[in-house]
Amino acid sequence: MIDKNGNGEINRKELKRFFKKCNLKMSNAEVKDYMNRMDVNNDGSISLGELKKMFLKRS
C-alpha cells in the first residue's frame, strides 16, 4: 500500500518509500520531478483522480 496515512493521497515521502520498497533507486530530485509531473493541481500530493488521469494518458 502506498498511502500509508490513509488520507486517499500520496505525498512525496510515501512515494519515495514506495520506490524504495520496489527496489527503485530514485534520488530526491527524481522523486520531486515525478511528483511535479503527476501532481496536476500542485497541492503537494497525488490524488486518486490524478493517478487515474496519468495512467489513462499512458494507455
N, C-alpha and C. Protein backbone atom coordinates (compact mmCIF):
# COMPACT_ATOMS: atom_id res chain seq x y z
N MET A 1 0.84 -1.18 0.00
CA MET A 1 0.00 0.00 0.00
C MET A 1 0.89 1.24 0.00
N ILE A 2 0.60 2.16 -0.87
CA ILE A 2 1.41 3.37 -0.98
C ILE A 2 0.96 4.43 0.02
N ASP A 3 -0.33 4.60 0.15
CA ASP A 3 -0.91 5.65 1.01
C ASP A 3 -0.86 5.21 2.47
N LYS A 4 0.27 5.42 3.12
CA LYS A 4 0.48 4.93 4.48
C LYS A 4 -0.44 5.58 5.51
N ASN A 5 -0.76 6.86 5.36
CA ASN A 5 -1.59 7.52 6.37
C ASN A 5 -3.08 7.42 6.07
N GLY A 6 -3.44 6.81 4.94
CA GLY A 6 -4.83 6.54 4.62
C GLY A 6 -5.69 7.74 4.29
N ASN A 7 -5.06 8.83 3.84
CA ASN A 7 -5.84 10.03 3.53
C ASN A 7 -6.33 10.08 2.08
N GLY A 8 -6.05 9.04 1.30
CA GLY A 8 -6.51 8.99 -0.08
C GLY A 8 -5.60 9.70 -1.06
N GLU A 9 -4.45 10.15 -0.59
CA GLU A 9 -3.48 10.84 -1.45
C GLU A 9 -2.08 10.34 -1.14
N ILE A 10 -1.19 10.50 -2.11
CA ILE A 10 0.19 10.06 -1.96
C ILE A 10 1.08 11.30 -1.89
N ASN A 11 1.82 11.44 -0.79
CA ASN A 11 2.74 12.57 -0.69
C ASN A 11 4.14 12.12 -1.11
N ARG A 12 5.07 13.05 -1.15
CA ARG A 12 6.42 12.75 -1.65
C ARG A 12 7.10 11.68 -0.79
N LYS A 13 6.94 11.75 0.51
CA LYS A 13 7.56 10.78 1.41
C LYS A 13 7.02 9.37 1.15
N GLU A 14 5.72 9.26 0.96
CA GLU A 14 5.09 7.96 0.68
C GLU A 14 5.55 7.43 -0.67
N LEU A 15 5.68 8.31 -1.65
CA LEU A 15 6.11 7.89 -2.98
C LEU A 15 7.55 7.39 -2.94
N LYS A 16 8.41 8.13 -2.24
CA LYS A 16 9.81 7.72 -2.12
C LYS A 16 9.91 6.37 -1.42
N ARG A 17 9.12 6.16 -0.36
CA ARG A 17 9.11 4.89 0.37
C ARG A 17 8.66 3.75 -0.56
N PHE A 18 7.65 4.02 -1.40
CA PHE A 18 7.16 3.02 -2.34
C PHE A 18 8.24 2.64 -3.35
N PHE A 19 8.93 3.64 -3.92
CA PHE A 19 10.00 3.35 -4.87
C PHE A 19 11.09 2.50 -4.21
N LYS A 20 11.45 2.84 -2.99
CA LYS A 20 12.48 2.10 -2.27
C LYS A 20 12.04 0.65 -2.04
N LYS A 21 10.78 0.47 -1.66
CA LYS A 21 10.24 -0.88 -1.43
C LYS A 21 10.28 -1.71 -2.71
N CYS A 22 10.13 -1.05 -3.86
CA CYS A 22 10.17 -1.73 -5.16
C CYS A 22 11.60 -1.85 -5.70
N ASN A 23 12.58 -1.52 -4.85
CA ASN A 23 13.99 -1.55 -5.23
C ASN A 23 14.32 -0.62 -6.39
N LEU A 24 13.61 0.49 -6.48
CA LEU A 24 13.89 1.51 -7.49
C LEU A 24 14.68 2.62 -6.81
N LYS A 25 15.90 2.80 -7.22
CA LYS A 25 16.74 3.82 -6.60
C LYS A 25 16.47 5.16 -7.26
N MET A 26 15.78 6.00 -6.53
CA MET A 26 15.40 7.31 -7.03
C MET A 26 16.00 8.37 -6.12
N SER A 27 16.67 9.34 -6.71
CA SER A 27 17.20 10.45 -5.91
C SER A 27 16.04 11.34 -5.47
N ASN A 28 16.30 12.21 -4.51
CA ASN A 28 15.28 13.16 -4.08
C ASN A 28 14.81 14.02 -5.24
N ALA A 29 15.74 14.41 -6.11
CA ALA A 29 15.39 15.23 -7.27
C ALA A 29 14.49 14.47 -8.24
N GLU A 30 14.75 13.18 -8.43
CA GLU A 30 13.92 12.37 -9.32
C GLU A 30 12.52 12.19 -8.76
N VAL A 31 12.43 11.97 -7.45
CA VAL A 31 11.11 11.82 -6.81
C VAL A 31 10.35 13.14 -6.93
N LYS A 32 11.04 14.25 -6.70
CA LYS A 32 10.41 15.57 -6.81
C LYS A 32 9.90 15.80 -8.23
N ASP A 33 10.71 15.45 -9.23
CA ASP A 33 10.30 15.61 -10.63
C ASP A 33 9.08 14.75 -10.95
N TYR A 34 9.08 13.52 -10.47
CA TYR A 34 7.95 12.61 -10.68
C TYR A 34 6.69 13.18 -10.05
N MET A 35 6.82 13.67 -8.82
CA MET A 35 5.68 14.30 -8.13
C MET A 35 5.16 15.49 -8.93
N ASN A 36 6.07 16.33 -9.39
CA ASN A 36 5.66 17.53 -10.13
C ASN A 36 4.88 17.18 -11.39
N ARG A 37 5.27 16.09 -12.04
CA ARG A 37 4.57 15.68 -13.26
C ARG A 37 3.19 15.09 -12.96
N MET A 38 3.05 14.42 -11.84
CA MET A 38 1.78 13.76 -11.53
C MET A 38 0.82 14.62 -10.72
N ASP A 39 1.36 15.57 -9.96
CA ASP A 39 0.54 16.43 -9.09
C ASP A 39 0.00 17.60 -9.91
N VAL A 40 -1.06 17.34 -10.65
CA VAL A 40 -1.62 18.29 -11.61
C VAL A 40 -2.05 19.60 -10.95
N ASN A 41 -2.66 19.53 -9.78
CA ASN A 41 -3.17 20.75 -9.14
C ASN A 41 -2.16 21.39 -8.18
N ASN A 42 -0.95 20.85 -8.15
CA ASN A 42 0.16 21.41 -7.36
C ASN A 42 -0.16 21.59 -5.87
N ASP A 43 -0.85 20.61 -5.28
CA ASP A 43 -1.15 20.71 -3.85
C ASP A 43 -0.17 19.91 -2.99
N GLY A 44 0.85 19.33 -3.61
CA GLY A 44 1.87 18.60 -2.86
C GLY A 44 1.59 17.13 -2.67
N SER A 45 0.51 16.64 -3.26
CA SER A 45 0.19 15.21 -3.17
C SER A 45 -0.48 14.75 -4.45
N ILE A 46 -0.46 13.45 -4.65
CA ILE A 46 -1.08 12.85 -5.83
C ILE A 46 -2.39 12.21 -5.38
N SER A 47 -3.49 12.70 -5.91
CA SER A 47 -4.80 12.15 -5.56
C SER A 47 -5.10 10.95 -6.46
N LEU A 48 -6.11 10.19 -6.09
CA LEU A 48 -6.53 9.06 -6.91
C LEU A 48 -6.92 9.53 -8.30
N GLY A 49 -7.61 10.66 -8.38
CA GLY A 49 -8.01 11.22 -9.68
C GLY A 49 -6.81 11.56 -10.54
N GLU A 50 -5.78 12.15 -9.95
CA GLU A 50 -4.57 12.49 -10.71
C GLU A 50 -3.86 11.23 -11.17
N LEU A 51 -3.84 10.23 -10.32
CA LEU A 51 -3.20 8.96 -10.67
C LEU A 51 -3.93 8.29 -11.83
N LYS A 52 -5.26 8.28 -11.78
CA LYS A 52 -6.05 7.70 -12.87
C LYS A 52 -5.79 8.43 -14.18
N LYS A 53 -5.78 9.76 -14.14
CA LYS A 53 -5.54 10.55 -15.36
C LYS A 53 -4.19 10.21 -15.96
N MET A 54 -3.18 10.06 -15.12
CA MET A 54 -1.84 9.76 -15.60
C MET A 54 -1.80 8.40 -16.28
N PHE A 55 -2.43 7.40 -15.67
CA PHE A 55 -2.43 6.07 -16.26
C PHE A 55 -3.26 6.03 -17.54
N LEU A 56 -4.35 6.75 -17.60
CA LEU A 56 -5.17 6.78 -18.81
C LEU A 56 -4.44 7.45 -19.96
N LYS A 57 -3.63 8.46 -19.68
CA LYS A 57 -2.84 9.13 -20.72
C LYS A 57 -1.84 8.16 -21.34
N ARG A 58 -1.30 7.27 -20.52
CA ARG A 58 -0.24 6.36 -20.98
C ARG A 58 -0.79 5.15 -21.72
N SER A 59 -2.08 4.88 -21.60
CA SER A 59 -2.62 3.68 -22.25
C SER A 59 -3.22 3.99 -23.59
